[in-house]
Amino acid sequence: MSAFRNAIVFGASTGIGAELVRNLAKSGVKVAAIARRKALLDQLAAEFPDSVLPVVLDVTASSDASQVLSDICERLGGCDLYIYCAGIMPRVGKDEYPTTSDLESIDVNFTSAVRWLNAVALRCQSLKSGTIVGISSVAGDRGRRGGPVYAATKAGFTVYLEALRNRLAVQGVRVVTIKPGPVSTPMTEGLSKLPLIITAEKAASLILDHARKGTAVAYVPGIWKVLMAVIRSVPQAIFQRLDI
């Protein structure tokens, strides 16, 4: 088990991201909480004035990610844990193909993840240390009809994280892929029939357990590893008839 001293959480204003910040701060970790919404970040900083550094930043904005990351790490006094939790999941009607919102999902969930985690990977490679955590999803395990592009972004993110893991392992850097099932957050509010849904607080606790252990790929909660193995085994001819 490793203990972290300083962390950066991308997508920290609500949901899992905010609970990750709270959990880390309570355990004595200094955290840079990154998100667009200043008011929500200020609330987190007010809860933990000595531990939370609010950083107002749009992850999709074109910027020199390496320089911005370096500046944040300098303000923290270093960093040994980096978590990319930013993500969106626009609602998609069963007969809709909403290109505008689909492209926004790709930008937040995948393109921006690459922008920032490439910068993180370069930093960790040079230091030969660090833990990178990417919040993917069980949705990326198979192309379900409900959200084609959301699932595709998570599948792509999962493969990208695997590639980072294979590249950085020789440098002593750990890359952890987290695949949560349904979690009660503002992103899932209003959705019905979500199986085995857990709180964001519970998800954050499980995620950080895996981060400390350096688990390569973890389903959260663990039952989803079994469930998704079953779902992946369903033949395509049958799967395309199922509304799951």
C-alpha atoms as a PDB file:
ATOM      1  CA  MET A   1       0.000   0.000   0.000  1.00  0.00           C
ATOM      2  CA  SER A   2       1.391   3.395  -0.948  1.00  0.00           C
ATOM      3  CA  ALA A   3       0.525   6.714   0.623  1.00  0.00           C
ATOM      4  CA  PHE A   4       0.107   9.801  -1.534  1.00  0.00           C
ATOM      5  CA  ARG A   5       1.226  13.280  -0.537  1.00  0.00           C
ATOM      6  CA  ASN A   6      -0.043  15.501  -3.362  1.00  0.00           C
ATOM      7  CA  ALA A   7      -2.721  14.850  -5.973  1.00  0.00           C
ATOM      8  CA  ILE A   8      -4.396  16.441  -8.981  1.00  0.00           C
ATOM      9  CA  VAL A   9      -8.012  15.627  -9.819  1.00  0.00           C
ATOM     10  CA  PHE A  10      -9.338  16.679 -13.232  1.00  0.00           C
ATOM     11  CA  GLY A  11     -13.123  17.044 -13.175  1.00  0.00           C
ATOM     12  CA  ALA A  12     -13.367  17.807  -9.476  1.00  0.00           C
ATOM     13  CA  SER A  13     -16.450  19.981  -9.084  1.00  0.00           C
ATOM     14  CA  THR A  14     -19.192  17.358  -8.591  1.00  0.00           C
ATOM     15  CA  GLY A  15     -19.889  13.641  -8.428  1.00  0.00           C
ATOM     16  CA  ILE A  16     -17.014  11.182  -8.177  1.00  0.00           C
ATOM     17  CA  GLY A  17     -14.403  13.892  -8.711  1.00  0.00           C
ATOM     18  CA  ALA A  18     -15.579  15.986  -5.774  1.00  0.00           C
ATOM     19  CA  GLU A  19     -15.739  12.933  -3.528  1.00  0.00           C
ATOM     20  CA  LEU A  20     -12.225  11.930  -4.549  1.00  0.00           C
ATOM     21  CA  VAL A  21     -11.028  15.383  -3.497  1.00  0.00           C
ATOM     22  CA  ARG A  22     -12.848  15.128  -0.158  1.00  0.00           C
ATOM     23  CA  ASN A  23     -11.529  11.629   0.532  1.00  0.00           C
ATOM     24  CA  LEU A  24      -7.958  12.616  -0.271  1.00  0.00           C
ATOM     25  CA  ALA A  25      -8.127  15.833   1.732  1.00  0.00           C
ATOM     26  CA  LYS A  26      -9.505  14.005   4.766  1.00  0.00           C
ATOM     27  CA  SER A  27      -6.544  11.622   4.625  1.00  0.00           C
ATOM     28  CA  GLY A  28      -4.055  14.483   4.666  1.00  0.00           C
ATOM     29  CA  VAL A  29      -3.297  14.704   0.950  1.00  0.00           C
ATOM     30  CA  LYS A  30      -2.942  18.146  -0.622  1.00  0.00           C
ATOM     31  CA  VAL A  31      -5.158  18.243  -3.721  1.00  0.00           C
ATOM     32  CA  ALA A  32      -5.376  20.491  -6.775  1.00  0.00           C
ATOM     33  CA  ALA A  33      -9.065  20.363  -7.703  1.00  0.00           C
ATOM     34  CA  ILE A  34      -9.497  21.192 -11.407  1.00  0.00           C
ATOM     35  CA  ALA A  35     -12.829  22.073 -13.041  1.00  0.00           C
ATOM     36  CA  ARG A  36     -14.631  24.888 -14.856  1.00  0.00           C
ATOM     37  CA  ARG A  37     -17.105  25.926 -12.160  1.00  0.00           C
ATOM     38  CA  LYS A  38     -15.395  28.265  -9.719  1.00  0.00           C
ATOM     39  CA  ALA A  39     -18.246  28.394  -7.201  1.00  0.00           C
ATOM     40  CA  LEU A  40     -18.228  24.628  -6.701  1.00  0.00           C
ATOM     41  CA  LEU A  41     -14.449  24.516  -6.400  1.00  0.00           C
ATOM     42  CA  ASP A  42     -14.551  27.320  -3.860  1.00  0.00           C
ATOM     43  CA  GLN A  43     -17.012  25.266  -1.794  1.00  0.00           C
ATOM     44  CA  LEU A  44     -14.555  22.361  -1.747  1.00  0.00           C
ATOM     45  CA  ALA A  45     -11.707  24.667  -0.794  1.00  0.00           C
ATOM     46  CA  ALA A  46     -13.821  26.125   2.019  1.00  0.00           C
ATOM     47  CA  GLU A  47     -14.354  22.618   3.411  1.00  0.00           C
ATOM     48  CA  PHE A  48     -10.603  21.925   3.419  1.00  0.00           C
ATOM     49  CA  PRO A  49      -8.809  25.288   3.353  1.00  0.00           C
ATOM     50  CA  ASP A  50      -5.428  23.777   4.167  1.00  0.00           C
ATOM     51  CA  SER A  51      -5.659  20.866   1.731  1.00  0.00           C
ATOM     52  CA  VAL A  52      -7.572  21.861  -1.418  1.00  0.00           C
ATOM     53  CA  LEU A  53      -6.137  24.133  -4.096  1.00  0.00           C
ATOM     54  CA  PRO A  54      -8.950  25.178  -6.479  1.00  0.00           C
ATOM     55  CA  VAL A  55      -7.872  25.519 -10.115  1.00  0.00           C
ATOM     56  CA  VAL A  56     -10.468  26.928 -12.514  1.00  0.00           C
ATOM     57  CA  LEU A  57      -9.691  25.357 -15.879  1.00  0.00           C
ATOM     58  CA  ASP A  58     -11.603  24.086 -18.902  1.00  0.00           C
ATOM     59  CA  VAL A  59      -9.898  20.818 -19.857  1.00  0.00           C
ATOM     60  CA  THR A  60     -11.071  21.227 -23.460  1.00  0.00           C
ATOM     61  CA  ALA A  61      -9.362  24.593 -23.922  1.00  0.00           C
ATOM     62  CA  SER A  62      -6.284  24.593 -26.128  1.00  0.00           C
ATOM     63  CA  SER A  63      -3.343  25.302 -23.889  1.00  0.00           C
ATOM     64  CA  ASP A  64       0.215  24.294 -23.171  1.00  0.00           C
ATOM     65  CA  ALA A  65      -0.825  21.385 -20.967  1.00  0.00           C
ATOM     66  CA  SER A  66       2.732  20.571 -19.914  1.00  0.00           C
ATOM     67  CA  GLN A  67       3.392  24.122 -18.716  1.00  0.00           C
ATOM     68  CA  VAL A  68       0.042  24.392 -16.932  1.00  0.00           C
ATOM     69  CA  LEU A  69       0.648  21.033 -15.265  1.00  0.00           C
ATOM     70  CA  SER A  70       4.135  22.096 -14.206  1.00  0.00           C
ATOM     71  CA  ASP A  71       2.763  25.296 -12.679  1.00  0.00           C
ATOM     72  CA  ILE A  72       0.099  23.392 -10.710  1.00  0.00           C
ATOM     73  CA  CYS A  73       2.630  20.856  -9.444  1.00  0.00           C
ATOM     74  CA  GLU A  74       4.910  23.690  -8.331  1.00  0.00           C
ATOM     75  CA  ARG A  75       2.053  25.277  -6.383  1.00  0.00           C
ATOM     76  CA  LEU A  76       1.328  21.912  -4.755  1.00  0.00           C
ATOM     77  CA  GLY A  77       4.947  21.235  -3.913  1.00  0.00           C
ATOM     78  CA  GLY A  78       5.056  18.208  -6.207  1.00  0.00           C
ATOM     79  CA  CYS A  79       2.541  15.549  -7.224  1.00  0.00           C
ATOM     80  CA  ASP A  80       2.460  11.766  -7.027  1.00  0.00           C
ATOM     81  CA  LEU A  81      -1.186  11.023  -7.949  1.00  0.00           C
ATOM     82  CA  TYR A  82      -3.026  12.222 -11.056  1.00  0.00           C
ATOM     83  CA  ILE A  83      -6.696  11.361 -11.605  1.00  0.00           C
ATOM     84  CA  TYR A  84      -8.596  12.141 -14.822  1.00  0.00           C
ATOM     85  CA  CYS A  85     -12.254  12.115 -13.841  1.00  0.00           C
ATOM     86  CA  ALA A  86     -13.671  14.718 -16.241  1.00  0.00           C
ATOM     87  CA  GLY A  87     -16.523  13.359 -18.326  1.00  0.00           C
ATOM     88  CA  ILE A  88     -19.944  14.055 -19.759  1.00  0.00           C
ATOM     89  CA  MET A  89     -22.788  11.780 -20.830  1.00  0.00           C
ATOM     90  CA  PRO A  90     -25.426  13.691 -22.821  1.00  0.00           C
ATOM     91  CA  ARG A  91     -28.813  12.021 -23.103  1.00  0.00           C
ATOM     92  CA  VAL A  92     -29.395  10.366 -26.475  1.00  0.00           C
ATOM     93  CA  GLY A  93     -32.873   9.479 -27.709  1.00  0.00           C
ATOM     94  CA  LYS A  94     -33.316   6.041 -29.240  1.00  0.00           C
ATOM     95  CA  ASP A  95     -33.749   7.531 -32.728  1.00  0.00           C
ATOM     96  CA  GLU A  96     -31.236  10.378 -32.343  1.00  0.00           C
ATOM     97  CA  TYR A  97     -27.733  10.789 -33.742  1.00  0.00           C
ATOM     98  CA  PRO A  98     -26.779  14.139 -32.174  1.00  0.00           C
ATOM     99  CA  THR A  99     -23.462  14.981 -33.810  1.00  0.00           C
ATOM    100  CA  THR A 100     -22.895  18.213 -31.904  1.00  0.00           C
ATOM    101  CA  SER A 101     -23.190  16.653 -28.454  1.00  0.00           C
ATOM    102  CA  ASP A 102     -21.387  13.513 -29.649  1.00  0.00           C
ATOM    103  CA  LEU A 103     -18.361  15.582 -30.653  1.00  0.00           C
ATOM    104  CA  GLU A 104     -18.474  17.380 -27.310  1.00  0.00           C
ATOM    105  CA  SER A 105     -18.386  13.986 -25.562  1.00  0.00           C
ATOM    106  CA  ILE A 106     -15.368  12.962 -27.612  1.00  0.00           C
ATOM    107  CA  ASP A 107     -13.625  16.223 -26.730  1.00  0.00           C
ATOM    108  CA  VAL A 108     -14.186  15.957 -22.961  1.00  0.00           C
ATOM    109  CA  ASN A 109     -14.040  12.192 -22.470  1.00  0.00           C
ATOM    110  CA  PHE A 110     -11.197  11.301 -24.804  1.00  0.00           C
ATOM    111  CA  THR A 111      -9.388  14.127 -26.612  1.00  0.00           C
ATOM    112  CA  SER A 112      -8.903  16.199 -23.464  1.00  0.00           C
ATOM    113  CA  ALA A 113      -7.932  13.120 -21.481  1.00  0.00           C
ATOM    114  CA  VAL A 114      -5.139  12.526 -23.998  1.00  0.00           C
ATOM    115  CA  ARG A 115      -4.112  16.194 -23.901  1.00  0.00           C
ATOM    116  CA  TRP A 116      -3.648  16.221 -20.129  1.00  0.00           C
ATOM    117  CA  LEU A 117      -2.505  12.664 -19.499  1.00  0.00           C
ATOM    118  CA  ASN A 118       0.131  12.892 -22.223  1.00  0.00           C
ATOM    119  CA  ALA A 119       1.543  15.829 -20.249  1.00  0.00           C
ATOM    120  CA  VAL A 120       1.242  13.809 -17.035  1.00  0.00           C
ATOM    121  CA  ALA A 121       2.959  10.822 -18.660  1.00  0.00           C
ATOM    122  CA  LEU A 122       5.904  12.952 -19.767  1.00  0.00           C
ATOM    123  CA  ARG A 123       6.285  14.342 -16.254  1.00  0.00           C
ATOM    124  CA  CYS A 124       6.036  10.917 -14.599  1.00  0.00           C
ATOM    125  CA  GLN A 125       8.457   9.442 -17.129  1.00  0.00           C
ATOM    126  CA  SER A 126      11.050  12.100 -16.354  1.00  0.00           C
ATOM    127  CA  LEU A 127      10.623  11.593 -12.602  1.00  0.00           C
ATOM    128  CA  LYS A 128      10.371   7.792 -12.927  1.00  0.00           C
ATOM    129  CA  SER A 129       7.519   7.769 -10.429  1.00  0.00           C
ATOM    130  CA  GLY A 130       3.834   8.547  -9.987  1.00  0.00           C
ATOM    131  CA  THR A 131       0.408   6.985 -10.218  1.00  0.00           C
ATOM    132  CA  ILE A 132      -2.029   7.851 -13.015  1.00  0.00           C
ATOM    133  CA  VAL A 133      -5.707   6.950 -12.602  1.00  0.00           C
ATOM    134  CA  GLY A 134      -8.233   7.161 -15.433  1.00  0.00           C
ATOM    135  CA  ILE A 135     -11.961   6.888 -14.758  1.00  0.00           C
ATOM    136  CA  SER A 136     -13.351   4.905 -17.679  1.00  0.00           C
ATOM    137  CA  SER A 137     -16.650   2.960 -17.493  1.00  0.00           C
ATOM    138  CA  VAL A 138     -18.247  -0.445 -17.906  1.00  0.00           C
ATOM    139  CA  ALA A 139     -20.032   1.245 -20.826  1.00  0.00           C
ATOM    140  CA  GLY A 140     -16.826   0.905 -22.830  1.00  0.00           C
ATOM    141  CA  ASP A 141     -16.838  -2.881 -22.695  1.00  0.00           C
ATOM    142  CA  ARG A 142     -19.424  -3.269 -25.411  1.00  0.00           C
ATOM    143  CA  GLY A 143     -21.318  -1.129 -27.928  1.00  0.00           C
ATOM    144  CA  ARG A 144     -24.737  -0.785 -26.384  1.00  0.00           C
ATOM    145  CA  ARG A 145     -27.537   0.989 -28.203  1.00  0.00           C
ATOM    146  CA  GLY A 146     -28.245   3.594 -25.520  1.00  0.00           C
ATOM    147  CA  GLY A 147     -25.164   5.786 -25.972  1.00  0.00           C
ATOM    148  CA  PRO A 148     -22.959   4.836 -28.911  1.00  0.00           C
ATOM    149  CA  VAL A 149     -20.450   7.670 -28.672  1.00  0.00           C
ATOM    150  CA  TYR A 150     -20.222   7.723 -24.876  1.00  0.00           C
ATOM    151  CA  ALA A 151     -19.406   3.998 -24.985  1.00  0.00           C
ATOM    152  CA  ALA A 152     -16.872   4.577 -27.757  1.00  0.00           C
ATOM    153  CA  THR A 153     -15.082   7.320 -25.796  1.00  0.00           C
ATOM    154  CA  LYS A 154     -14.778   5.048 -22.792  1.00  0.00           C
ATOM    155  CA  ALA A 155     -13.555   2.130 -24.902  1.00  0.00           C
ATOM    156  CA  GLY A 156     -10.949   4.368 -26.485  1.00  0.00           C
ATOM    157  CA  PHE A 157      -9.923   5.766 -23.099  1.00  0.00           C
ATOM    158  CA  THR A 158      -9.512   2.246 -21.718  1.00  0.00           C
ATOM    159  CA  VAL A 159      -7.189   1.232 -24.560  1.00  0.00           C
ATOM    160  CA  TYR A 160      -5.230   4.496 -24.255  1.00  0.00           C
ATOM    161  CA  LEU A 161      -4.706   3.852 -20.539  1.00  0.00           C
ATOM    162  CA  GLU A 162      -3.548   0.306 -21.263  1.00  0.00           C
ATOM    163  CA  ALA A 163      -1.010   1.672 -23.736  1.00  0.00           C
ATOM    164  CA  LEU A 164       0.225   4.208 -21.157  1.00  0.00           C
ATOM    165  CA  ARG A 165       0.536   1.388 -18.616  1.00  0.00           C
ATOM    166  CA  ASN A 166       2.644  -0.684 -21.003  1.00  0.00           C
ATOM    167  CA  ARG A 167       4.836   2.282 -21.908  1.00  0.00           C
ATOM    168  CA  LEU A 168       5.403   3.623 -18.404  1.00  0.00           C
ATOM    169  CA  ALA A 169       5.770   0.397 -16.403  1.00  0.00           C
ATOM    170  CA  VAL A 170       9.486   0.240 -17.165  1.00  0.00           C
ATOM    171  CA  GLN A 171       9.828   3.744 -15.717  1.00  0.00           C
ATOM    172  CA  GLY A 172       8.252   2.747 -12.392  1.00  0.00           C
ATOM    173  CA  VAL A 173       5.008   4.603 -13.140  1.00  0.00           C
ATOM    174  CA  ARG A 174       1.678   2.957 -12.351  1.00  0.00           C
ATOM    175  CA  VAL A 175      -1.411   3.437 -14.506  1.00  0.00           C
ATOM    176  CA  VAL A 176      -4.752   2.382 -13.043  1.00  0.00           C
ATOM    177  CA  THR A 177      -7.888   1.961 -15.168  1.00  0.00           C
ATOM    178  CA  ILE A 178     -11.160   2.259 -13.244  1.00  0.00           C
ATOM    179  CA  LYS A 179     -14.404   0.989 -14.756  1.00  0.00           C
ATOM    180  CA  PRO A 180     -17.322   2.042 -12.560  1.00  0.00           C
ATOM    181  CA  GLY A 181     -20.808   0.697 -12.958  1.00  0.00           C
ATOM    182  CA  PRO A 182     -23.681   3.147 -12.349  1.00  0.00           C
ATOM    183  CA  VAL A 183     -22.883   5.807  -9.752  1.00  0.00           C
ATOM    184  CA  SER A 184     -25.332   8.308  -8.279  1.00  0.00           C
ATOM    185  CA  THR A 185     -24.060  11.661  -9.586  1.00  0.00           C
ATOM    186  CA  PRO A 186     -25.503  14.714 -11.356  1.00  0.00           C
ATOM    187  CA  MET A 187     -24.551  12.987 -14.642  1.00  0.00           C
ATOM    188  CA  THR A 188     -26.863  10.041 -13.938  1.00  0.00           C
ATOM    189  CA  GLU A 189     -29.655  12.035 -12.270  1.00  0.00           C
ATOM    190  CA  GLY A 190     -33.039  11.241 -13.760  1.00  0.00           C
ATOM    191  CA  LEU A 191     -31.987   7.977 -15.352  1.00  0.00           C
ATOM    192  CA  SER A 192     -34.157   5.019 -14.374  1.00  0.00           C
ATOM    193  CA  LYS A 193     -33.415   1.318 -14.020  1.00  0.00           C
ATOM    194  CA  LEU A 194     -29.728   1.701 -13.209  1.00  0.00           C
ATOM    195  CA  PRO A 195     -28.630  -1.634 -11.714  1.00  0.00           C
ATOM    196  CA  LEU A 196     -26.457  -1.911  -8.613  1.00  0.00           C
ATOM    197  CA  ILE A 197     -26.046   1.864  -8.370  1.00  0.00           C
ATOM    198  CA  ILE A 198     -23.675   3.120  -5.658  1.00  0.00           C
ATOM    199  CA  THR A 199     -22.995   6.533  -4.162  1.00  0.00           C
ATOM    200  CA  ALA A 200     -20.204   8.767  -5.425  1.00  0.00           C
ATOM    201  CA  GLU A 201     -18.672   8.622  -1.954  1.00  0.00           C
ATOM    202  CA  LYS A 202     -18.503   4.813  -2.093  1.00  0.00           C
ATOM    203  CA  ALA A 203     -17.089   4.898  -5.613  1.00  0.00           C
ATOM    204  CA  ALA A 204     -14.372   7.350  -4.561  1.00  0.00           C
ATOM    205  CA  SER A 205     -13.365   5.154  -1.640  1.00  0.00           C
ATOM    206  CA  LEU A 206     -13.078   2.062  -3.850  1.00  0.00           C
ATOM    207  CA  ILE A 207     -11.179   3.986  -6.541  1.00  0.00           C
ATOM    208  CA  LEU A 208      -8.583   5.248  -4.076  1.00  0.00           C
ATOM    209  CA  ASP A 209      -8.154   1.750  -2.637  1.00  0.00           C
ATOM    210  CA  HIS A 210      -7.198   0.559  -6.129  1.00  0.00           C
ATOM    211  CA  ALA A 211      -4.983   3.602  -6.703  1.00  0.00           C
ATOM    212  CA  ARG A 212      -3.015   2.825  -3.535  1.00  0.00           C
ATOM    213  CA  LYS A 213      -2.670  -0.826  -4.530  1.00  0.00           C
ATOM    214  CA  GLY A 214      -1.741   0.035  -8.113  1.00  0.00           C
ATOM    215  CA  THR A 215      -4.407  -2.257  -9.574  1.00  0.00           C
ATOM    216  CA  ALA A 216      -4.049  -2.369 -13.357  1.00  0.00           C
ATOM    217  CA  VAL A 217      -7.771  -2.609 -14.192  1.00  0.00           C
ATOM    218  CA  ALA A 218     -10.519  -2.454 -11.590  1.00  0.00           C
ATOM    219  CA  TYR A 219     -14.280  -2.682 -11.872  1.00  0.00           C
ATOM    220  CA  VAL A 220     -16.119  -0.619  -9.253  1.00  0.00           C
ATOM    221  CA  PRO A 221     -17.757  -2.296  -7.449  1.00  0.00           C
ATOM    222  CA  GLY A 222     -16.063  -5.631  -8.147  1.00  0.00           C
ATOM    223  CA  ILE A 223     -19.270  -7.467  -9.110  1.00  0.00           C
ATOM    224  CA  TRP A 224     -19.135  -5.659 -12.456  1.00  0.00           C
ATOM    225  CA  LYS A 225     -16.095  -7.693 -13.465  1.00  0.00           C
ATOM    226  CA  VAL A 226     -18.291 -10.796 -13.455  1.00  0.00           C
ATOM    227  CA  LEU A 227     -21.321  -9.103 -14.989  1.00  0.00           C
ATOM    228  CA  MET A 228     -19.345  -7.569 -17.851  1.00  0.00           C
ATOM    229  CA  ALA A 229     -17.615 -10.887 -18.566  1.00  0.00           C
ATOM    230  CA  VAL A 230     -21.094 -12.357 -19.073  1.00  0.00           C
ATOM    231  CA  ILE A 231     -22.229  -9.420 -21.226  1.00  0.00           C
ATOM    232  CA  ARG A 232     -19.101  -9.614 -23.399  1.00  0.00           C
ATOM    233  CA  SER A 233     -19.734 -13.332 -23.954  1.00  0.00           C
ATOM    234  CA  VAL A 234     -23.228 -12.835 -25.396  1.00  0.00           C
ATOM    235  CA  PRO A 235     -23.143 -13.547 -29.170  1.00  0.00           C
ATOM    236  CA  GLN A 236     -23.647 -10.492 -31.383  1.00  0.00           C
ATOM    237  CA  ALA A 237     -26.817 -11.873 -32.994  1.00  0.00           C
ATOM    238  CA  ILE A 238     -28.422 -12.107 -29.556  1.00  0.00           C
ATOM    239  CA  PHE A 239     -26.855  -8.980 -28.077  1.00  0.00           C
ATOM    240  CA  GLN A 240     -28.229  -6.671 -30.747  1.00  0.00           C
ATOM    241  CA  ARG A 241     -31.747  -7.675 -29.746  1.00  0.00           C
ATOM    242  CA  LEU A 242     -31.201  -6.833 -26.103  1.00  0.00           C
ATOM    243  CA  ASP A 243     -31.948  -3.394 -24.696  1.00  0.00           C
ATOM    244  CA  ILE A 244     -29.142  -3.384 -22.126  1.00  0.00           C
END
